[in-house]
């Protein structure tokens, strides 16, 4: 019974792996503006990776943050779904090839859902969160 109830409200956790903050501003829109609010989908942002179900990643993975991001990733319990927000986590975007870039995030972590854009529109982020929620529910067996 508890598992069934928990499956209806996944928690979101955001990891900035070295972005320009454009995607982060759009993610803020999904937390503050009622028209794009993810809480109407049954999702909530949380402050701890240990409580997260869906991980939203922004930015290319920088050399300086690589070890920290991988350590935080390990703290997130299974089943988890990863959403790459913007083009940087997948390709490096405008930062691709820079001396401080360790590579795209998907070189080190599995990415389940891609939300394209630079930065992506709030509607695209909401669509990505819906897909992630559905994938998470499927992994939960519900």
N, C-alpha and C. Protein backbone atom coordinates (compact mmCIF):
# COMPACT_ATOMS: atom_id res chain seq x y z
N UNK A 1 0.82 -1.19 0.00
CA UNK A 1 0.00 0.00 0.00
C UNK A 1 0.87 1.26 0.00
N UNK A 2 1.86 1.31 0.87
CA UNK A 2 2.73 2.48 0.95
C UNK A 2 3.49 2.68 -0.36
N UNK A 3 3.94 1.60 -0.96
CA UNK A 3 4.65 1.67 -2.24
C UNK A 3 3.76 2.28 -3.32
N UNK A 4 2.47 1.90 -3.30
CA UNK A 4 1.52 2.41 -4.28
C UNK A 4 1.30 3.92 -4.11
N UNK A 5 1.20 4.37 -2.86
CA UNK A 5 1.03 5.80 -2.60
C UNK A 5 2.27 6.59 -2.97
N UNK A 6 3.43 6.06 -2.65
CA UNK A 6 4.69 6.75 -2.94
C UNK A 6 4.90 6.89 -4.44
N UNK A 7 4.41 5.95 -5.20
CA UNK A 7 4.61 5.97 -6.65
C UNK A 7 3.87 7.11 -7.32
N UNK A 8 2.96 7.75 -6.63
CA UNK A 8 2.20 8.81 -7.24
C UNK A 8 2.85 10.19 -7.09
N UNK A 9 3.90 10.31 -6.32
CA UNK A 9 4.48 11.62 -6.09
C UNK A 9 6.01 11.59 -6.12
N UNK A 10 6.60 11.52 -7.31
CA UNK A 10 8.06 11.52 -7.39
C UNK A 10 8.64 12.89 -7.02
N UNK A 11 9.81 12.85 -6.43
CA UNK A 11 10.50 14.07 -6.04
C UNK A 11 11.62 14.34 -7.03
N UNK A 12 11.78 15.62 -7.34
CA UNK A 12 12.77 16.06 -8.31
C UNK A 12 13.98 16.66 -7.60
N UNK A 13 15.15 16.38 -8.13
CA UNK A 13 16.38 16.96 -7.60
C UNK A 13 17.19 17.49 -8.78
N UNK A 14 17.69 18.70 -8.64
CA UNK A 14 18.43 19.34 -9.72
C UNK A 14 19.92 19.32 -9.44
N UNK A 15 20.69 18.95 -10.46
CA UNK A 15 22.15 18.99 -10.37
C UNK A 15 22.67 19.89 -11.48
N UNK A 16 23.38 20.93 -11.10
CA UNK A 16 24.02 21.81 -12.07
C UNK A 16 25.46 21.33 -12.21
N UNK A 17 25.80 20.81 -13.38
CA UNK A 17 27.13 20.24 -13.59
C UNK A 17 28.10 21.23 -14.24
N UNK A 18 27.73 22.51 -14.23
CA UNK A 18 28.60 23.54 -14.79
C UNK A 18 27.94 24.37 -15.87
N UNK A 19 26.65 24.59 -15.73
CA UNK A 19 25.91 25.29 -16.78
C UNK A 19 26.07 26.80 -16.69
N UNK A 20 25.55 27.47 -17.70
CA UNK A 20 25.55 28.94 -17.74
C UNK A 20 24.39 29.51 -16.95
N UNK A 21 23.53 28.65 -16.41
CA UNK A 21 22.35 28.96 -15.61
C UNK A 21 21.12 29.32 -16.43
N UNK A 22 21.20 29.30 -17.75
CA UNK A 22 20.02 29.54 -18.57
C UNK A 22 18.95 28.48 -18.33
N UNK A 23 19.36 27.22 -18.31
CA UNK A 23 18.41 26.12 -18.06
C UNK A 23 17.89 26.17 -16.63
N UNK A 24 18.74 26.59 -15.71
CA UNK A 24 18.33 26.66 -14.31
C UNK A 24 17.24 27.71 -14.09
N UNK A 25 17.33 28.81 -14.83
CA UNK A 25 16.29 29.84 -14.75
C UNK A 25 14.97 29.28 -15.26
N UNK A 26 15.02 28.51 -16.34
CA UNK A 26 13.79 27.90 -16.86
C UNK A 26 13.26 26.83 -15.91
N UNK A 27 14.14 26.11 -15.22
CA UNK A 27 13.68 25.14 -14.20
C UNK A 27 13.00 25.87 -13.05
N UNK A 28 13.50 27.04 -12.70
CA UNK A 28 12.87 27.83 -11.64
C UNK A 28 11.44 28.19 -12.02
N UNK A 29 11.23 28.43 -13.31
CA UNK A 29 9.88 28.71 -13.80
C UNK A 29 8.94 27.57 -13.47
N UNK A 30 9.43 26.33 -13.56
CA UNK A 30 8.57 25.17 -13.30
C UNK A 30 8.32 24.97 -11.80
N UNK A 31 8.96 25.76 -10.98
CA UNK A 31 8.75 25.65 -9.54
C UNK A 31 7.94 26.82 -8.98
N UNK A 32 7.91 27.93 -9.72
CA UNK A 32 7.33 29.16 -9.15
C UNK A 32 6.10 29.70 -9.88
N UNK A 33 5.98 29.46 -11.15
CA UNK A 33 4.89 30.04 -11.92
C UNK A 33 3.78 29.00 -12.06
N UNK A 34 2.59 29.31 -11.57
CA UNK A 34 1.50 28.31 -11.55
C UNK A 34 1.21 27.68 -12.91
N UNK A 35 1.35 28.41 -13.98
CA UNK A 35 1.04 27.86 -15.30
C UNK A 35 1.93 26.67 -15.66
N UNK A 36 3.18 26.68 -15.17
CA UNK A 36 4.14 25.62 -15.48
C UNK A 36 4.53 24.79 -14.26
N UNK A 37 3.79 24.90 -13.20
CA UNK A 37 4.15 24.29 -11.93
C UNK A 37 4.14 22.75 -12.00
N UNK A 38 5.27 22.13 -11.66
CA UNK A 38 5.36 20.66 -11.68
C UNK A 38 4.56 20.01 -10.56
N UNK A 39 4.17 20.77 -9.55
CA UNK A 39 3.39 20.18 -8.46
C UNK A 39 2.01 19.76 -8.92
N UNK A 40 1.50 20.35 -9.97
CA UNK A 40 0.19 19.92 -10.48
C UNK A 40 0.28 18.55 -11.14
N UNK A 41 1.52 18.10 -11.41
CA UNK A 41 1.75 16.77 -11.95
C UNK A 41 2.02 15.75 -10.85
N UNK A 42 2.02 16.23 -9.60
CA UNK A 42 2.30 15.35 -8.48
C UNK A 42 3.78 15.28 -8.14
N UNK A 43 4.59 16.17 -8.72
CA UNK A 43 6.04 16.17 -8.47
C UNK A 43 6.39 17.33 -7.55
N UNK A 44 7.47 17.15 -6.80
CA UNK A 44 7.97 18.21 -5.91
C UNK A 44 9.47 18.25 -6.00
N UNK A 45 10.03 19.45 -5.90
CA UNK A 45 11.48 19.57 -5.81
C UNK A 45 11.90 19.27 -4.38
N UNK A 46 13.03 18.60 -4.23
CA UNK A 46 13.55 18.30 -2.89
C UNK A 46 14.98 18.82 -2.80
N UNK A 47 15.46 18.95 -1.59
CA UNK A 47 16.78 19.52 -1.37
C UNK A 47 17.88 18.50 -1.12
N UNK A 48 17.53 17.23 -1.09
CA UNK A 48 18.52 16.20 -0.81
C UNK A 48 18.49 15.12 -1.88
N UNK A 49 19.66 14.71 -2.36
CA UNK A 49 19.68 13.63 -3.34
C UNK A 49 19.16 12.31 -2.77
N UNK A 50 19.20 12.14 -1.47
CA UNK A 50 18.73 10.90 -0.85
C UNK A 50 17.22 10.75 -0.90
N UNK A 51 16.51 11.86 -1.20
CA UNK A 51 15.06 11.82 -1.30
C UNK A 51 14.58 11.84 -2.75
N UNK A 52 15.50 11.96 -3.69
CA UNK A 52 15.14 12.18 -5.09
C UNK A 52 14.70 10.90 -5.79
N UNK A 53 13.82 11.09 -6.75
CA UNK A 53 13.38 10.01 -7.63
C UNK A 53 13.73 10.33 -9.08
N UNK A 54 13.60 11.60 -9.44
CA UNK A 54 13.91 12.07 -10.79
C UNK A 54 14.99 13.13 -10.67
N UNK A 55 16.06 12.98 -11.45
CA UNK A 55 17.19 13.90 -11.40
C UNK A 55 17.19 14.75 -12.66
N UNK A 56 17.22 16.06 -12.49
CA UNK A 56 17.29 17.00 -13.60
C UNK A 56 18.71 17.55 -13.66
N UNK A 57 19.40 17.29 -14.76
CA UNK A 57 20.80 17.70 -14.90
C UNK A 57 20.91 18.82 -15.92
N UNK A 58 21.60 19.89 -15.53
CA UNK A 58 21.85 21.01 -16.44
C UNK A 58 23.35 21.20 -16.61
N UNK A 59 23.74 21.58 -17.80
CA UNK A 59 25.14 21.93 -18.07
C UNK A 59 26.01 20.77 -18.49
N UNK A 60 27.14 21.11 -19.12
CA UNK A 60 28.13 20.08 -19.44
C UNK A 60 28.85 19.69 -18.15
N UNK A 61 29.44 18.54 -18.12
CA UNK A 61 30.15 18.10 -16.91
C UNK A 61 31.54 18.71 -16.91
N UNK A 62 31.82 19.56 -15.93
CA UNK A 62 33.14 20.19 -15.86
C UNK A 62 34.12 19.29 -15.11
N UNK A 63 35.39 19.48 -15.39
CA UNK A 63 36.44 18.71 -14.73
C UNK A 63 36.37 18.91 -13.22
N UNK A 64 36.14 20.14 -12.80
CA UNK A 64 36.12 20.47 -11.38
C UNK A 64 34.96 19.80 -10.63
N UNK A 65 33.82 19.64 -11.29
CA UNK A 65 32.64 19.08 -10.62
C UNK A 65 32.44 17.58 -10.84
N UNK A 66 33.19 16.98 -11.72
CA UNK A 66 32.96 15.58 -12.10
C UNK A 66 32.88 14.64 -10.91
N UNK A 67 33.88 14.63 -10.05
CA UNK A 67 33.88 13.71 -8.90
C UNK A 67 32.73 13.99 -7.95
N UNK A 68 32.41 15.27 -7.73
CA UNK A 68 31.32 15.62 -6.83
C UNK A 68 29.98 15.17 -7.39
N UNK A 69 29.78 15.38 -8.69
CA UNK A 69 28.53 14.97 -9.32
C UNK A 69 28.37 13.45 -9.25
N UNK A 70 29.43 12.72 -9.52
CA UNK A 70 29.36 11.25 -9.46
C UNK A 70 29.08 10.78 -8.04
N UNK A 71 29.63 11.48 -7.04
CA UNK A 71 29.38 11.11 -5.64
C UNK A 71 27.91 11.38 -5.27
N UNK A 72 27.38 12.51 -5.69
CA UNK A 72 25.97 12.83 -5.43
C UNK A 72 25.07 11.83 -6.15
N UNK A 73 25.44 11.46 -7.37
CA UNK A 73 24.67 10.49 -8.14
C UNK A 73 24.51 9.18 -7.38
N UNK A 74 25.57 8.73 -6.72
CA UNK A 74 25.53 7.48 -5.97
C UNK A 74 24.60 7.56 -4.76
N UNK A 75 24.34 8.76 -4.25
CA UNK A 75 23.46 8.93 -3.09
C UNK A 75 21.99 8.80 -3.45
N UNK A 76 21.66 8.93 -4.73
CA UNK A 76 20.27 8.89 -5.16
C UNK A 76 19.80 7.44 -5.19
N UNK A 77 18.71 7.14 -4.49
CA UNK A 77 18.25 5.74 -4.42
C UNK A 77 17.65 5.26 -5.75
N UNK A 78 17.68 3.96 -5.94
CA UNK A 78 17.03 3.34 -7.10
C UNK A 78 15.56 3.13 -6.76
N UNK A 79 14.67 3.13 -7.71
CA UNK A 79 14.90 3.44 -9.11
C UNK A 79 14.95 4.95 -9.32
N UNK A 80 15.85 5.40 -10.15
CA UNK A 80 15.95 6.82 -10.45
C UNK A 80 15.89 7.02 -11.95
N UNK A 81 15.39 8.16 -12.35
CA UNK A 81 15.29 8.52 -13.75
C UNK A 81 16.05 9.83 -13.93
N UNK A 82 16.85 9.89 -14.98
CA UNK A 82 17.67 11.07 -15.23
C UNK A 82 17.18 11.82 -16.45
N UNK A 83 17.02 13.13 -16.28
CA UNK A 83 16.58 14.00 -17.35
C UNK A 83 17.69 15.00 -17.65
N UNK A 84 18.14 15.03 -18.90
CA UNK A 84 19.12 16.02 -19.34
C UNK A 84 18.34 17.23 -19.81
N UNK A 85 18.51 18.35 -19.12
CA UNK A 85 17.79 19.58 -19.45
C UNK A 85 18.71 20.47 -20.27
N UNK A 86 18.33 20.73 -21.51
CA UNK A 86 19.15 21.52 -22.42
C UNK A 86 20.09 20.64 -23.22
N UNK A 87 20.84 21.26 -24.12
CA UNK A 87 21.73 20.49 -24.98
C UNK A 87 23.08 20.19 -24.33
N UNK A 88 23.46 20.96 -23.34
CA UNK A 88 24.80 20.81 -22.74
C UNK A 88 25.07 19.45 -22.08
N UNK A 89 24.13 18.87 -21.32
CA UNK A 89 24.44 17.58 -20.71
C UNK A 89 24.72 16.47 -21.72
N UNK A 90 24.16 16.59 -22.92
CA UNK A 90 24.31 15.53 -23.92
C UNK A 90 25.46 15.81 -24.88
N UNK A 91 25.63 17.07 -25.30
CA UNK A 91 26.64 17.37 -26.31
C UNK A 91 27.75 18.30 -25.83
N UNK A 92 27.54 18.97 -24.73
CA UNK A 92 28.49 19.98 -24.29
C UNK A 92 28.08 21.37 -24.74
N UNK A 93 27.17 21.43 -25.72
CA UNK A 93 26.67 22.72 -26.20
C UNK A 93 27.78 23.65 -26.63
N UNK A 94 27.65 24.92 -26.29
CA UNK A 94 28.65 25.91 -26.68
C UNK A 94 29.97 25.71 -25.93
N UNK A 95 29.96 24.90 -24.88
CA UNK A 95 31.17 24.66 -24.10
C UNK A 95 31.97 23.46 -24.60
N UNK A 96 31.43 22.73 -25.58
CA UNK A 96 32.07 21.53 -26.11
C UNK A 96 33.51 21.82 -26.54
N UNK A 97 34.40 20.95 -26.11
CA UNK A 97 35.80 21.08 -26.48
C UNK A 97 36.61 22.01 -25.60
N UNK A 98 35.98 22.64 -24.64
CA UNK A 98 36.69 23.55 -23.74
C UNK A 98 37.62 22.79 -22.81
N UNK A 99 38.67 23.45 -22.38
CA UNK A 99 39.67 22.80 -21.52
C UNK A 99 39.10 22.37 -20.17
N UNK A 100 38.03 23.01 -19.72
CA UNK A 100 37.48 22.69 -18.40
C UNK A 100 36.32 21.69 -18.46
N UNK A 101 36.04 21.15 -19.63
CA UNK A 101 34.91 20.24 -19.80
C UNK A 101 35.40 18.79 -19.80
N UNK A 102 34.84 17.99 -18.89
CA UNK A 102 35.21 16.57 -18.80
C UNK A 102 34.50 15.77 -19.90
N UNK A 103 33.46 16.33 -20.43
CA UNK A 103 32.72 15.66 -21.49
C UNK A 103 31.24 15.77 -21.24
N UNK A 104 30.45 15.28 -22.15
CA UNK A 104 29.01 15.28 -21.90
C UNK A 104 28.68 14.36 -20.72
N UNK A 105 27.62 14.69 -20.02
CA UNK A 105 27.24 13.93 -18.82
C UNK A 105 26.97 12.47 -19.15
N UNK A 106 26.38 12.21 -20.34
CA UNK A 106 26.01 10.83 -20.66
C UNK A 106 27.23 9.93 -20.90
N UNK A 107 28.40 10.50 -20.88
CA UNK A 107 29.63 9.70 -20.93
C UNK A 107 29.88 9.01 -19.58
N UNK A 108 29.33 9.59 -18.50
CA UNK A 108 29.56 9.10 -17.15
C UNK A 108 28.30 8.58 -16.46
N UNK A 109 27.14 9.13 -16.83
CA UNK A 109 25.87 8.76 -16.20
C UNK A 109 24.83 8.41 -17.26
N UNK A 110 23.93 7.49 -16.97
CA UNK A 110 22.88 7.18 -17.94
C UNK A 110 21.84 8.30 -18.00
N UNK A 111 21.48 8.70 -19.19
CA UNK A 111 20.45 9.71 -19.39
C UNK A 111 19.22 9.00 -19.96
N UNK A 112 18.08 9.16 -19.29
CA UNK A 112 16.85 8.50 -19.71
C UNK A 112 16.01 9.38 -20.65
N UNK A 113 15.95 10.68 -20.35
CA UNK A 113 15.11 11.61 -21.10
C UNK A 113 15.95 12.82 -21.47
N UNK A 114 15.81 13.28 -22.72
CA UNK A 114 16.47 14.51 -23.17
C UNK A 114 15.43 15.60 -23.39
N UNK A 115 15.69 16.78 -22.84
CA UNK A 115 14.84 17.94 -23.09
C UNK A 115 15.69 18.92 -23.90
N UNK A 116 15.47 18.98 -25.23
CA UNK A 116 16.32 19.83 -26.07
C UNK A 116 16.02 21.31 -25.91
N UNK A 117 17.01 22.11 -26.26
CA UNK A 117 16.85 23.56 -26.24
C UNK A 117 18.03 24.22 -25.56
N UNK A 118 18.20 25.49 -25.86
CA UNK A 118 19.29 26.26 -25.25
C UNK A 118 18.81 27.68 -25.00
N UNK A 119 18.17 27.90 -23.88
CA UNK A 119 17.63 26.93 -22.93
C UNK A 119 16.29 26.40 -23.41
N UNK A 120 15.87 25.27 -22.87
CA UNK A 120 14.56 24.73 -23.25
C UNK A 120 13.43 25.58 -22.67
N UNK A 121 12.33 25.60 -23.37
CA UNK A 121 11.16 26.33 -22.89
C UNK A 121 10.53 25.58 -21.72
N UNK A 122 9.82 26.27 -20.84
CA UNK A 122 9.17 25.59 -19.71
C UNK A 122 8.24 24.46 -20.14
N UNK A 123 7.55 24.64 -21.27
CA UNK A 123 6.65 23.60 -21.76
C UNK A 123 7.43 22.31 -22.08
N UNK A 124 8.63 22.46 -22.65
CA UNK A 124 9.46 21.30 -22.96
C UNK A 124 9.95 20.62 -21.68
N UNK A 125 10.28 21.41 -20.68
CA UNK A 125 10.72 20.84 -19.40
C UNK A 125 9.57 20.06 -18.76
N UNK A 126 8.36 20.63 -18.79
CA UNK A 126 7.20 19.94 -18.24
C UNK A 126 6.98 18.62 -18.98
N UNK A 127 7.10 18.63 -20.30
CA UNK A 127 6.94 17.41 -21.08
C UNK A 127 7.99 16.37 -20.69
N UNK A 128 9.23 16.82 -20.48
CA UNK A 128 10.29 15.92 -20.04
C UNK A 128 10.02 15.34 -18.66
N UNK A 129 9.49 16.15 -17.76
CA UNK A 129 9.16 15.68 -16.41
C UNK A 129 8.03 14.65 -16.48
N UNK A 130 7.05 14.88 -17.35
CA UNK A 130 5.95 13.90 -17.51
C UNK A 130 6.50 12.57 -18.00
N UNK A 131 7.39 12.61 -18.99
CA UNK A 131 7.99 11.37 -19.50
C UNK A 131 8.81 10.68 -18.42
N UNK A 132 9.54 11.48 -17.63
CA UNK A 132 10.36 10.92 -16.55
C UNK A 132 9.47 10.30 -15.48
N UNK A 133 8.37 10.98 -15.14
CA UNK A 133 7.44 10.43 -14.15
C UNK A 133 6.88 9.10 -14.62
N UNK A 134 6.50 9.03 -15.90
CA UNK A 134 5.97 7.78 -16.44
C UNK A 134 7.01 6.66 -16.40
N UNK A 135 8.25 7.01 -16.75
CA UNK A 135 9.34 6.01 -16.71
C UNK A 135 9.59 5.55 -15.27
N UNK A 136 9.53 6.49 -14.33
CA UNK A 136 9.75 6.17 -12.92
C UNK A 136 8.65 5.26 -12.40
N UNK A 137 7.38 5.58 -12.77
CA UNK A 137 6.26 4.73 -12.36
C UNK A 137 6.40 3.33 -12.91
N UNK A 138 6.86 3.23 -14.16
CA UNK A 138 7.07 1.91 -14.76
C UNK A 138 8.15 1.13 -14.02
N UNK A 139 9.20 1.81 -13.59
CA UNK A 139 10.27 1.14 -12.84
C UNK A 139 9.82 0.74 -11.45
N UNK A 140 8.87 1.50 -10.91
CA UNK A 140 8.33 1.17 -9.58
C UNK A 140 7.36 0.00 -9.66
N UNK A 141 6.96 -0.34 -10.89
CA UNK A 141 6.04 -1.45 -11.06
C UNK A 141 4.60 -1.03 -10.95
N UNK A 142 4.34 0.27 -11.18
CA UNK A 142 2.95 0.74 -11.03
C UNK A 142 2.34 1.29 -12.24
